[in-house]
Structures are given as C-alpha cells and as structure tokens.
C-alpha cells in the first residue's frame, strides 16, 4: 500500500536534491576552486563548506530512504515478544540447543 508512494517520493527527492546539489556544487566550484575566493574571504570558517556538507548529508538521507516502511530491526522487535509465550511449548518439542542456534542465526 505504501510502497508505490514511497518509491515516487524517493525518486522525486533524488531528482530535486540532485538538481539542487548540482547547482550548489557548480557555484561552489566557480567560487573556490579555480583561483579561490576573494582575498578578504577566508576559506576556514566559511559557511559555504558547511552548507555543502549539510546538503550532502540531506541527499544521503533521501538516497538511504527505504521503500518498505519497516526494516529488519522492527521485525525482530515485534517477533521476539510475540514468540516468547510459545517458547515453553516449542522447548518441549525441539531441543533448546537447536532453538538457540536458529535464534542466533536470525540475529546475525
């Protein structure tokens, strides 16, 4: 239900942040790379570099956005409390060593 909308939002975000990032890096390059900025503007402490880093971090957030609204850690957080009440019954049928190995395999 959410996947098509999340895919759409991710693609739109990548396009919009990509355009913004491209424009910003071109302007940054023009200002700082060929000859450096004006002599009265020091490189250290300038907001340009911090803004470039912030823009890069924002783009990474959009790039890493998942298209499924739940991840593995959420599933584990739901599955463990749901499975705990059945553990004594399963322990009667299956040796605890086998259960432990399966749980360890799930977590790794």
N, C-alpha and C. Protein backbone atom coordinates (compact mmCIF):
# COMPACT_ATOMS: atom_id res chain seq x y z
N UNK A 1 0.82 -1.19 0.00
CA UNK A 1 0.00 0.00 0.00
C UNK A 1 0.87 1.27 0.00
N UNK A 2 1.93 1.27 0.81
CA UNK A 2 2.78 2.46 0.91
C UNK A 2 3.91 2.46 -0.12
N UNK A 3 4.27 1.28 -0.63
CA UNK A 3 5.45 1.16 -1.46
C UNK A 3 5.41 2.05 -2.71
N UNK A 4 4.33 2.06 -3.50
CA UNK A 4 4.34 2.93 -4.68
C UNK A 4 4.55 4.41 -4.34
N UNK A 5 3.92 4.86 -3.27
CA UNK A 5 4.07 6.27 -2.87
C UNK A 5 5.50 6.55 -2.39
N UNK A 6 6.07 5.61 -1.62
CA UNK A 6 7.45 5.79 -1.14
C UNK A 6 8.44 5.79 -2.29
N UNK A 7 8.21 4.95 -3.29
CA UNK A 7 9.08 4.95 -4.47
C UNK A 7 9.00 6.29 -5.19
N UNK A 8 7.78 6.79 -5.35
CA UNK A 8 7.57 8.08 -6.01
C UNK A 8 8.26 9.22 -5.25
N UNK A 9 8.09 9.24 -3.94
CA UNK A 9 8.70 10.29 -3.12
C UNK A 9 10.23 10.20 -3.16
N UNK A 10 10.76 8.98 -3.12
CA UNK A 10 12.21 8.82 -3.17
C UNK A 10 12.76 9.31 -4.51
N UNK A 11 12.12 8.93 -5.61
CA UNK A 11 12.60 9.37 -6.93
C UNK A 11 12.51 10.89 -7.08
N UNK A 12 11.40 11.45 -6.61
CA UNK A 12 11.26 12.91 -6.70
C UNK A 12 12.31 13.60 -5.83
N UNK A 13 12.54 13.08 -4.62
CA UNK A 13 13.54 13.66 -3.73
C UNK A 13 14.94 13.57 -4.31
N UNK A 14 15.28 12.41 -4.90
CA UNK A 14 16.60 12.28 -5.53
C UNK A 14 16.76 13.26 -6.69
N UNK A 15 15.71 13.43 -7.47
CA UNK A 15 15.79 14.38 -8.59
C UNK A 15 15.94 15.81 -8.09
N UNK A 16 15.10 16.20 -7.12
CA UNK A 16 15.14 17.58 -6.63
C UNK A 16 16.45 17.88 -5.90
N UNK A 17 16.87 16.98 -5.01
CA UNK A 17 18.13 17.20 -4.30
C UNK A 17 19.32 17.08 -5.25
N UNK A 18 19.19 16.24 -6.27
CA UNK A 18 20.26 16.13 -7.26
C UNK A 18 20.44 17.42 -8.03
N UNK A 19 19.34 18.03 -8.44
CA UNK A 19 19.41 19.32 -9.15
C UNK A 19 19.99 20.40 -8.24
N UNK A 20 19.47 20.46 -7.01
CA UNK A 20 19.97 21.47 -6.06
C UNK A 20 21.45 21.24 -5.77
N UNK A 21 21.83 19.99 -5.54
CA UNK A 21 23.23 19.68 -5.25
C UNK A 21 24.14 20.01 -6.41
N UNK A 22 23.68 19.74 -7.62
CA UNK A 22 24.47 20.04 -8.80
C UNK A 22 24.68 21.55 -8.95
N UNK A 23 23.60 22.31 -8.78
CA UNK A 23 23.72 23.77 -8.87
C UNK A 23 24.66 24.31 -7.79
N UNK A 24 24.49 23.81 -6.56
CA UNK A 24 25.30 24.32 -5.45
C UNK A 24 26.78 23.98 -5.66
N UNK A 25 27.07 22.75 -6.08
CA UNK A 25 28.47 22.38 -6.27
C UNK A 25 29.10 23.12 -7.43
N UNK A 26 28.32 23.43 -8.48
CA UNK A 26 28.86 24.23 -9.57
C UNK A 26 29.21 25.64 -9.09
N UNK A 27 28.31 26.23 -8.30
CA UNK A 27 28.59 27.56 -7.76
C UNK A 27 29.77 27.53 -6.78
N UNK A 28 29.83 26.50 -5.96
CA UNK A 28 30.94 26.34 -5.02
C UNK A 28 32.25 26.21 -5.80
N UNK A 29 32.24 25.41 -6.85
CA UNK A 29 33.43 25.20 -7.66
C UNK A 29 33.88 26.51 -8.31
N UNK A 30 32.93 27.24 -8.87
CA UNK A 30 33.28 28.52 -9.50
C UNK A 30 33.88 29.50 -8.51
N UNK A 31 33.37 29.47 -7.29
CA UNK A 31 33.83 30.44 -6.30
C UNK A 31 35.18 30.05 -5.70
N UNK A 32 35.36 28.77 -5.38
CA UNK A 32 36.51 28.38 -4.57
C UNK A 32 37.63 27.67 -5.34
N UNK A 33 37.35 26.96 -6.38
CA UNK A 33 38.36 26.08 -6.97
C UNK A 33 39.33 26.78 -7.91
N UNK A 34 38.91 27.48 -8.96
CA UNK A 34 39.91 27.99 -9.92
C UNK A 34 40.97 28.90 -9.29
N UNK A 35 40.56 29.97 -8.67
CA UNK A 35 41.51 30.93 -8.10
C UNK A 35 41.27 31.16 -6.63
N UNK A 36 40.33 30.45 -6.05
CA UNK A 36 39.96 30.73 -4.67
C UNK A 36 39.05 31.93 -4.64
N UNK A 37 38.48 32.18 -3.48
CA UNK A 37 37.58 33.33 -3.33
C UNK A 37 38.41 34.59 -3.19
N UNK A 38 37.73 35.67 -3.02
CA UNK A 38 38.41 36.96 -2.84
C UNK A 38 39.32 36.88 -1.62
N UNK A 39 40.38 37.67 -1.65
CA UNK A 39 41.37 37.64 -0.58
C UNK A 39 40.78 37.99 0.78
N UNK A 40 39.72 38.78 0.80
CA UNK A 40 39.13 39.18 2.07
C UNK A 40 38.17 38.12 2.64
N UNK A 41 37.95 37.01 1.93
CA UNK A 41 37.07 35.95 2.41
C UNK A 41 37.89 34.70 2.72
N UNK A 42 38.10 34.41 4.00
CA UNK A 42 38.93 33.25 4.36
C UNK A 42 38.20 31.94 4.10
N UNK A 43 38.96 30.92 3.70
CA UNK A 43 38.38 29.60 3.45
C UNK A 43 37.92 28.95 4.75
N UNK A 44 38.74 29.04 5.77
CA UNK A 44 38.38 28.44 7.05
C UNK A 44 37.25 29.22 7.71
N UNK A 45 36.27 28.52 8.16
CA UNK A 45 35.15 29.15 8.85
C UNK A 45 34.05 29.65 7.94
N UNK A 46 34.18 29.43 6.65
CA UNK A 46 33.14 29.91 5.74
C UNK A 46 31.91 29.00 5.83
N UNK A 47 30.77 29.59 5.65
CA UNK A 47 29.53 28.81 5.68
C UNK A 47 29.33 27.99 4.42
N UNK A 48 30.07 28.31 3.36
CA UNK A 48 29.91 27.57 2.10
C UNK A 48 30.24 26.09 2.28
N UNK A 49 31.33 25.82 2.98
CA UNK A 49 31.75 24.43 3.15
C UNK A 49 30.75 23.68 4.02
N UNK A 50 30.29 24.29 5.10
CA UNK A 50 29.32 23.65 5.97
C UNK A 50 28.00 23.41 5.24
N UNK A 51 27.59 24.38 4.43
CA UNK A 51 26.36 24.20 3.65
C UNK A 51 26.50 23.07 2.65
N UNK A 52 27.67 22.94 2.04
CA UNK A 52 27.90 21.85 1.11
C UNK A 52 27.83 20.50 1.82
N UNK A 53 28.41 20.43 3.01
CA UNK A 53 28.35 19.19 3.80
C UNK A 53 26.92 18.88 4.22
N UNK A 54 26.17 19.90 4.65
CA UNK A 54 24.77 19.69 5.04
C UNK A 54 23.93 19.21 3.87
N UNK A 55 24.16 19.77 2.70
CA UNK A 55 23.44 19.36 1.51
C UNK A 55 23.77 17.91 1.17
N UNK A 56 25.03 17.54 1.30
CA UNK A 56 25.43 16.16 1.06
C UNK A 56 24.76 15.20 2.03
N UNK A 57 24.68 15.59 3.30
CA UNK A 57 24.01 14.75 4.30
C UNK A 57 22.51 14.63 4.00
N UNK A 58 21.89 15.71 3.58
CA UNK A 58 20.47 15.67 3.23
C UNK A 58 20.22 14.74 2.04
N UNK A 59 21.11 14.79 1.06
CA UNK A 59 20.98 13.91 -0.09
C UNK A 59 21.13 12.46 0.32
N UNK A 60 22.05 12.18 1.25
CA UNK A 60 22.23 10.81 1.73
C UNK A 60 20.99 10.29 2.43
N UNK A 61 20.30 11.15 3.18
CA UNK A 61 19.06 10.74 3.84
C UNK A 61 18.03 10.30 2.80
N UNK A 62 17.90 11.07 1.73
CA UNK A 62 16.94 10.72 0.68
C UNK A 62 17.40 9.44 -0.02
N UNK A 63 18.69 9.34 -0.32
CA UNK A 63 19.21 8.15 -1.01
C UNK A 63 19.00 6.88 -0.18
N UNK A 64 19.17 6.97 1.14
CA UNK A 64 19.04 5.80 2.00
C UNK A 64 17.60 5.51 2.42
N UNK A 65 16.68 6.32 1.97
CA UNK A 65 15.28 6.11 2.32
C UNK A 65 14.81 4.78 1.77
N UNK A 66 14.19 3.98 2.63
CA UNK A 66 13.70 2.68 2.21
C UNK A 66 12.34 2.80 1.55
N UNK A 67 12.04 1.83 0.68
CA UNK A 67 10.74 1.83 0.02
C UNK A 67 9.74 0.94 0.75
N UNK A 68 10.21 0.28 1.79
CA UNK A 68 9.33 -0.53 2.64
C UNK A 68 9.35 0.13 4.01
N UNK A 69 8.18 0.45 4.57
CA UNK A 69 8.16 1.25 5.80
C UNK A 69 8.51 0.49 7.08
N UNK A 70 9.14 -0.67 6.97
CA UNK A 70 9.57 -1.43 8.14
C UNK A 70 10.90 -2.09 7.79
N UNK A 71 11.80 -2.15 8.77
CA UNK A 71 13.09 -2.78 8.49
C UNK A 71 13.30 -3.99 9.40
N UNK A 72 14.44 -4.61 9.25
CA UNK A 72 14.72 -5.86 9.96
C UNK A 72 14.67 -5.70 11.47
N UNK A 73 15.20 -4.62 11.99
CA UNK A 73 15.19 -4.43 13.44
C UNK A 73 13.77 -4.27 13.98
N UNK A 74 12.89 -3.64 13.20
CA UNK A 74 11.48 -3.54 13.61
C UNK A 74 10.82 -4.91 13.65
N UNK A 75 11.11 -5.73 12.64
CA UNK A 75 10.54 -7.07 12.61
C UNK A 75 11.01 -7.91 13.80
N UNK A 76 12.28 -7.79 14.13
CA UNK A 76 12.82 -8.54 15.28
C UNK A 76 12.17 -8.05 16.56
N UNK A 77 11.99 -6.73 16.69
CA UNK A 77 11.36 -6.17 17.89
C UNK A 77 9.92 -6.63 18.05
N UNK A 78 9.25 -6.94 16.97
CA UNK A 78 7.88 -7.44 17.03
C UNK A 78 7.88 -8.96 17.24
N UNK A 79 8.77 -9.66 16.56
CA UNK A 79 8.76 -11.12 16.58
C UNK A 79 9.17 -11.71 17.92
N UNK A 80 10.15 -11.13 18.57
CA UNK A 80 10.63 -11.70 19.84
C UNK A 80 9.53 -11.69 20.90
N UNK A 81 8.89 -10.55 21.19
CA UNK A 81 7.81 -10.61 22.19
C UNK A 81 6.64 -11.50 21.78
N UNK A 82 6.38 -11.59 20.48
CA UNK A 82 5.28 -12.44 20.02
C UNK A 82 5.63 -13.92 20.18
N UNK A 83 6.90 -14.27 20.05
CA UNK A 83 7.31 -15.67 20.13
C UNK A 83 7.57 -16.14 21.55
N UNK A 84 7.83 -15.24 22.47
CA UNK A 84 8.16 -15.64 23.84
C UNK A 84 7.10 -16.52 24.52
N UNK A 85 5.82 -16.24 24.39
CA UNK A 85 4.83 -17.10 25.03
C UNK A 85 4.83 -18.54 24.49
N UNK A 86 5.23 -18.73 23.25
CA UNK A 86 5.24 -20.07 22.66
C UNK A 86 6.52 -20.83 22.96
N UNK A 87 7.52 -20.17 23.53
CA UNK A 87 8.81 -20.80 23.77
C UNK A 87 8.73 -22.05 24.65
N UNK A 88 7.98 -22.07 25.74
CA UNK A 88 7.91 -23.31 26.53
C UNK A 88 7.34 -24.48 25.74
N UNK A 89 6.32 -24.26 24.96
CA UNK A 89 5.74 -25.32 24.15
C UNK A 89 6.73 -25.84 23.12
N UNK A 90 7.43 -24.93 22.45
CA UNK A 90 8.42 -25.31 21.46
C UNK A 90 9.57 -26.05 22.12
N UNK A 91 9.95 -25.63 23.33
CA UNK A 91 11.05 -26.27 24.05
C UNK A 91 10.73 -27.73 24.38
N UNK A 92 9.49 -28.06 24.53
CA UNK A 92 9.11 -29.44 24.79
C UNK A 92 9.34 -30.29 23.54
N UNK A 93 9.07 -29.71 22.38
CA UNK A 93 9.17 -30.45 21.12
C UNK A 93 10.55 -30.40 20.48
N UNK A 94 11.25 -29.29 20.64
CA UNK A 94 12.55 -29.08 19.99
C UNK A 94 13.59 -28.81 21.07
N UNK A 95 14.77 -29.44 20.99
CA UNK A 95 15.81 -29.19 21.99
C UNK A 95 16.21 -27.70 22.02
N UNK A 96 16.52 -27.20 23.21
CA UNK A 96 16.89 -25.78 23.37
C UNK A 96 18.12 -25.41 22.56
N UNK A 97 19.03 -26.35 22.39
CA UNK A 97 20.24 -26.06 21.60
C UNK A 97 19.87 -25.70 20.16
N UNK A 98 18.94 -26.42 19.58
CA UNK A 98 18.51 -26.15 18.20
C UNK A 98 17.79 -24.81 18.13
N UNK A 99 16.95 -24.51 19.12
CA UNK A 99 16.27 -23.21 19.16
C UNK A 99 17.28 -22.08 19.26
N UNK A 100 18.25 -22.23 20.14
CA UNK A 100 19.28 -21.20 20.30
C UNK A 100 20.05 -20.95 19.03
N UNK A 101 20.39 -22.02 18.31
CA UNK A 101 21.13 -21.86 17.06
C UNK A 101 20.29 -21.11 16.02
N UNK A 102 19.00 -21.43 15.95
CA UNK A 102 18.12 -20.73 15.00
C UNK A 102 17.97 -19.25 15.37
N UNK A 103 17.81 -18.96 16.65
CA UNK A 103 17.69 -17.56 17.08
C UNK A 103 18.98 -16.80 16.80
N UNK A 104 20.11 -17.43 17.06
CA UNK A 104 21.39 -16.78 16.79
C UNK A 104 21.56 -16.51 15.31
N UNK A 105 21.13 -17.46 14.49
CA UNK A 105 21.21 -17.27 13.04
C UNK A 105 20.32 -16.11 12.56
N UNK A 106 19.15 -15.96 13.18
CA UNK A 106 18.26 -14.85 12.81
C UNK A 106 18.86 -13.50 13.15
N UNK A 107 19.56 -13.43 14.25
CA UNK A 107 20.11 -12.15 14.70
C UNK A 107 21.37 -11.76 13.93
N UNK A 108 22.03 -12.71 13.34
CA UNK A 108 23.27 -12.42 12.62
C UNK A 108 23.00 -12.18 11.20
